[in-house]
N, C-alpha and C. Protein backbone atom coordinates (compact mmCIF):
# COMPACT_ATOMS: atom_id res chain seq x y z
N UNK A 1 -77.42 -62.78 118.87
CA UNK A 1 -76.40 -63.72 119.26
C UNK A 1 -76.58 -65.00 118.45
N UNK A 2 -75.55 -65.46 117.85
CA UNK A 2 -75.62 -66.65 117.03
C UNK A 2 -74.88 -67.79 117.72
N UNK A 3 -75.46 -68.97 117.69
CA UNK A 3 -74.81 -70.15 118.24
C UNK A 3 -74.88 -71.26 117.21
N UNK A 4 -74.13 -72.30 117.46
CA UNK A 4 -74.15 -73.45 116.56
C UNK A 4 -74.70 -74.67 117.29
N UNK A 5 -75.62 -74.46 118.20
CA UNK A 5 -76.22 -75.57 118.92
C UNK A 5 -77.12 -76.37 117.99
N UNK A 6 -77.18 -77.68 118.25
CA UNK A 6 -78.08 -78.56 117.51
C UNK A 6 -79.34 -78.76 118.32
N UNK A 7 -80.46 -78.58 117.66
CA UNK A 7 -81.76 -78.78 118.27
C UNK A 7 -82.43 -79.94 117.53
N UNK A 8 -82.93 -80.90 118.28
CA UNK A 8 -83.66 -82.02 117.70
C UNK A 8 -85.14 -81.80 117.92
N UNK A 9 -85.93 -81.93 116.86
CA UNK A 9 -87.39 -81.87 116.94
C UNK A 9 -87.94 -83.25 116.68
N UNK A 10 -88.85 -83.70 117.54
CA UNK A 10 -89.43 -85.03 117.39
C UNK A 10 -90.95 -84.89 117.39
N UNK A 11 -91.58 -85.43 116.34
CA UNK A 11 -93.04 -85.47 116.33
C UNK A 11 -93.48 -86.71 117.09
N UNK A 12 -94.22 -86.51 118.17
CA UNK A 12 -94.64 -87.60 119.03
C UNK A 12 -95.86 -88.31 118.44
N UNK A 13 -96.11 -89.52 118.89
CA UNK A 13 -97.23 -90.31 118.39
C UNK A 13 -98.57 -89.63 118.62
N UNK A 14 -98.68 -88.85 119.70
CA UNK A 14 -99.94 -88.17 120.02
C UNK A 14 -100.13 -86.88 119.23
N UNK A 15 -99.17 -86.55 118.36
CA UNK A 15 -99.27 -85.35 117.55
C UNK A 15 -98.52 -84.16 118.11
N UNK A 16 -98.08 -84.24 119.35
CA UNK A 16 -97.29 -83.17 119.95
C UNK A 16 -95.86 -83.21 119.46
N UNK A 17 -95.09 -82.24 119.90
CA UNK A 17 -93.69 -82.13 119.48
C UNK A 17 -92.78 -82.01 120.70
N UNK A 18 -91.60 -82.60 120.61
CA UNK A 18 -90.55 -82.44 121.61
C UNK A 18 -89.39 -81.72 120.95
N UNK A 19 -88.77 -80.82 121.70
CA UNK A 19 -87.58 -80.11 121.22
C UNK A 19 -86.48 -80.33 122.24
N UNK A 20 -85.29 -80.70 121.76
CA UNK A 20 -84.18 -81.04 122.65
C UNK A 20 -82.96 -80.25 122.23
N UNK A 21 -82.35 -79.53 123.19
CA UNK A 21 -81.06 -78.89 122.97
C UNK A 21 -80.02 -79.95 123.29
N UNK A 22 -79.41 -80.51 122.26
CA UNK A 22 -78.51 -81.65 122.42
C UNK A 22 -77.28 -81.31 123.26
N UNK A 23 -76.77 -80.11 123.13
CA UNK A 23 -75.56 -79.72 123.86
C UNK A 23 -75.82 -79.63 125.36
N UNK A 24 -76.95 -79.03 125.74
CA UNK A 24 -77.24 -78.84 127.15
C UNK A 24 -78.00 -80.00 127.77
N UNK A 25 -78.63 -80.83 126.94
CA UNK A 25 -79.45 -81.90 127.47
C UNK A 25 -80.75 -81.39 128.06
N UNK A 26 -81.23 -80.27 127.54
CA UNK A 26 -82.48 -79.67 128.01
C UNK A 26 -83.55 -79.96 126.97
N UNK A 27 -84.74 -80.33 127.45
CA UNK A 27 -85.83 -80.66 126.53
C UNK A 27 -87.12 -80.00 126.98
N UNK A 28 -88.02 -79.84 126.03
CA UNK A 28 -89.35 -79.32 126.31
C UNK A 28 -90.29 -79.87 125.26
N UNK A 29 -91.57 -79.54 125.40
CA UNK A 29 -92.54 -80.05 124.44
C UNK A 29 -93.64 -79.02 124.22
N UNK A 30 -94.42 -79.25 123.18
CA UNK A 30 -95.54 -78.38 122.85
C UNK A 30 -96.47 -79.05 121.88
N UNK A 31 -97.61 -78.42 121.65
CA UNK A 31 -98.59 -78.97 120.71
C UNK A 31 -98.14 -78.79 119.26
N UNK A 32 -97.29 -77.79 119.01
CA UNK A 32 -96.78 -77.52 117.66
C UNK A 32 -95.26 -77.42 117.73
N UNK A 33 -94.62 -77.46 116.57
CA UNK A 33 -93.16 -77.29 116.54
C UNK A 33 -92.78 -75.94 117.12
N UNK A 34 -93.52 -74.90 116.72
CA UNK A 34 -93.21 -73.55 117.20
C UNK A 34 -93.34 -73.46 118.72
N UNK A 35 -94.39 -74.06 119.26
CA UNK A 35 -94.58 -74.03 120.71
C UNK A 35 -93.47 -74.81 121.42
N UNK A 36 -93.09 -75.95 120.87
CA UNK A 36 -92.02 -76.74 121.48
C UNK A 36 -90.71 -75.96 121.50
N UNK A 37 -90.42 -75.24 120.41
CA UNK A 37 -89.20 -74.43 120.36
C UNK A 37 -89.28 -73.25 121.32
N UNK A 38 -90.44 -72.63 121.42
CA UNK A 38 -90.63 -71.52 122.35
C UNK A 38 -90.42 -71.99 123.80
N UNK A 39 -91.00 -73.14 124.12
CA UNK A 39 -90.85 -73.69 125.46
C UNK A 39 -89.40 -74.11 125.72
N UNK A 40 -88.71 -74.59 124.69
CA UNK A 40 -87.31 -74.95 124.83
C UNK A 40 -86.48 -73.71 125.13
N UNK A 41 -86.76 -72.61 124.44
CA UNK A 41 -86.05 -71.36 124.72
C UNK A 41 -86.18 -70.98 126.20
N UNK A 42 -87.39 -71.11 126.73
CA UNK A 42 -87.62 -70.79 128.14
C UNK A 42 -86.87 -71.76 129.06
N UNK A 43 -86.91 -73.05 128.72
CA UNK A 43 -86.22 -74.04 129.53
C UNK A 43 -84.71 -73.82 129.53
N UNK A 44 -84.15 -73.46 128.38
CA UNK A 44 -82.71 -73.19 128.29
C UNK A 44 -82.37 -71.96 129.12
N UNK A 45 -83.19 -70.92 129.04
CA UNK A 45 -82.95 -69.70 129.83
C UNK A 45 -82.95 -70.03 131.32
N UNK A 46 -83.90 -70.84 131.76
CA UNK A 46 -83.94 -71.22 133.17
C UNK A 46 -82.74 -72.08 133.53
N UNK A 47 -82.36 -72.97 132.62
CA UNK A 47 -81.17 -73.83 132.84
C UNK A 47 -79.92 -72.98 133.00
N UNK A 48 -79.85 -71.92 132.23
CA UNK A 48 -78.68 -71.04 132.28
C UNK A 48 -78.85 -69.93 133.31
N UNK A 49 -79.87 -70.05 134.16
CA UNK A 49 -80.12 -69.13 135.27
C UNK A 49 -80.45 -67.71 134.81
N UNK A 50 -81.12 -67.60 133.67
CA UNK A 50 -81.54 -66.29 133.20
C UNK A 50 -82.91 -65.91 133.75
N UNK A 51 -83.57 -66.85 134.41
CA UNK A 51 -84.86 -66.57 135.00
C UNK A 51 -84.71 -65.77 136.28
N UNK A 52 -85.82 -65.30 136.79
CA UNK A 52 -85.80 -64.56 138.04
C UNK A 52 -85.74 -65.53 139.21
N UNK A 53 -84.96 -65.21 140.26
CA UNK A 53 -84.90 -66.11 141.41
C UNK A 53 -86.24 -66.16 142.14
N UNK A 54 -86.52 -67.28 142.75
CA UNK A 54 -87.74 -67.44 143.54
C UNK A 54 -87.43 -66.97 144.95
N UNK A 55 -88.13 -65.94 145.38
CA UNK A 55 -87.88 -65.40 146.71
C UNK A 55 -88.82 -65.99 147.75
N UNK A 56 -90.04 -66.34 147.36
CA UNK A 56 -91.01 -66.91 148.30
C UNK A 56 -91.50 -68.23 147.73
N UNK A 57 -90.76 -69.30 148.04
CA UNK A 57 -91.07 -70.61 147.49
C UNK A 57 -92.48 -71.06 147.87
N UNK A 58 -92.89 -70.81 149.11
CA UNK A 58 -94.22 -71.23 149.56
C UNK A 58 -95.31 -70.59 148.71
N UNK A 59 -95.17 -69.32 148.40
CA UNK A 59 -96.17 -68.62 147.59
C UNK A 59 -96.23 -69.21 146.18
N UNK A 60 -95.09 -69.53 145.61
CA UNK A 60 -95.05 -70.12 144.27
C UNK A 60 -95.73 -71.48 144.28
N UNK A 61 -95.42 -72.30 145.28
CA UNK A 61 -96.04 -73.62 145.38
C UNK A 61 -97.55 -73.51 145.53
N UNK A 62 -98.00 -72.57 146.36
CA UNK A 62 -99.44 -72.37 146.54
C UNK A 62 -100.10 -71.92 145.24
N UNK A 63 -99.42 -71.03 144.49
CA UNK A 63 -99.94 -70.59 143.19
C UNK A 63 -100.10 -71.77 142.23
N UNK A 64 -99.25 -72.77 142.38
CA UNK A 64 -99.31 -73.97 141.53
C UNK A 64 -100.29 -75.01 142.07
N UNK A 65 -100.95 -74.68 143.19
CA UNK A 65 -101.92 -75.60 143.77
C UNK A 65 -101.28 -76.69 144.61
N UNK A 66 -100.05 -76.47 145.07
CA UNK A 66 -99.34 -77.45 145.87
C UNK A 66 -99.26 -76.98 147.32
N UNK A 67 -99.24 -77.93 148.24
CA UNK A 67 -99.17 -77.63 149.67
C UNK A 67 -97.70 -77.54 150.09
N UNK A 68 -97.21 -76.35 150.46
CA UNK A 68 -95.81 -76.21 150.85
C UNK A 68 -95.41 -77.12 152.01
N UNK A 69 -96.32 -77.36 152.96
CA UNK A 69 -95.99 -78.24 154.09
C UNK A 69 -95.83 -79.69 153.63
N UNK A 70 -96.68 -80.13 152.70
CA UNK A 70 -96.57 -81.49 152.17
C UNK A 70 -95.25 -81.65 151.41
N UNK A 71 -94.85 -80.62 150.69
CA UNK A 71 -93.56 -80.66 149.97
C UNK A 71 -92.41 -80.74 150.97
N UNK A 72 -92.47 -79.94 152.02
CA UNK A 72 -91.42 -79.96 153.05
C UNK A 72 -91.35 -81.33 153.72
N UNK A 73 -92.52 -81.92 154.02
CA UNK A 73 -92.54 -83.25 154.63
C UNK A 73 -91.92 -84.29 153.71
N UNK A 74 -92.25 -84.23 152.43
CA UNK A 74 -91.70 -85.18 151.45
C UNK A 74 -90.19 -85.02 151.34
N UNK A 75 -89.72 -83.78 151.37
CA UNK A 75 -88.27 -83.54 151.31
C UNK A 75 -87.57 -84.09 152.54
N UNK A 76 -88.23 -83.98 153.70
CA UNK A 76 -87.63 -84.45 154.95
C UNK A 76 -87.56 -85.97 154.99
N UNK A 77 -88.48 -86.65 154.31
CA UNK A 77 -88.52 -88.11 154.32
C UNK A 77 -87.39 -88.74 153.51
N UNK A 78 -86.92 -88.06 152.52
CA UNK A 78 -85.88 -88.62 151.67
C UNK A 78 -84.94 -87.53 151.19
N UNK A 79 -83.69 -87.88 151.08
CA UNK A 79 -82.73 -86.92 150.55
C UNK A 79 -82.26 -87.32 149.16
N UNK A 80 -82.90 -88.35 148.62
CA UNK A 80 -82.53 -88.80 147.27
C UNK A 80 -83.29 -88.06 146.22
N UNK A 81 -82.63 -87.82 145.09
CA UNK A 81 -83.30 -87.23 143.95
C UNK A 81 -84.14 -88.28 143.25
N UNK A 82 -85.25 -87.87 142.63
CA UNK A 82 -85.99 -88.82 141.81
C UNK A 82 -85.08 -89.39 140.71
N UNK A 83 -85.37 -90.59 140.26
CA UNK A 83 -84.52 -91.28 139.29
C UNK A 83 -84.25 -90.41 138.05
N UNK A 84 -85.27 -89.69 137.56
CA UNK A 84 -85.07 -88.91 136.33
C UNK A 84 -84.13 -87.73 136.54
N UNK A 85 -83.84 -87.35 137.78
CA UNK A 85 -82.96 -86.22 138.05
C UNK A 85 -81.53 -86.65 138.38
N UNK A 86 -81.29 -87.96 138.47
CA UNK A 86 -79.96 -88.43 138.85
C UNK A 86 -79.04 -88.44 137.67
């Protein structure tokens, strides 16, 4: 499948790389250009809902080392999105 999307690659001051899909406004990063592009591909797929749905959110949070109850409590305290998501 061929597209004409523009991808911006930025070499960061710390030596890492950022990759941005300008059309979708999706970005990712990596230690190398190749890794940044690979991570961007994954981020775009998730953005476009090509990933698998999460059926057991609590299990996923626990796998990530997060407390599902603490997440639920935080969600109950506020209904606002973090500034970067608005």
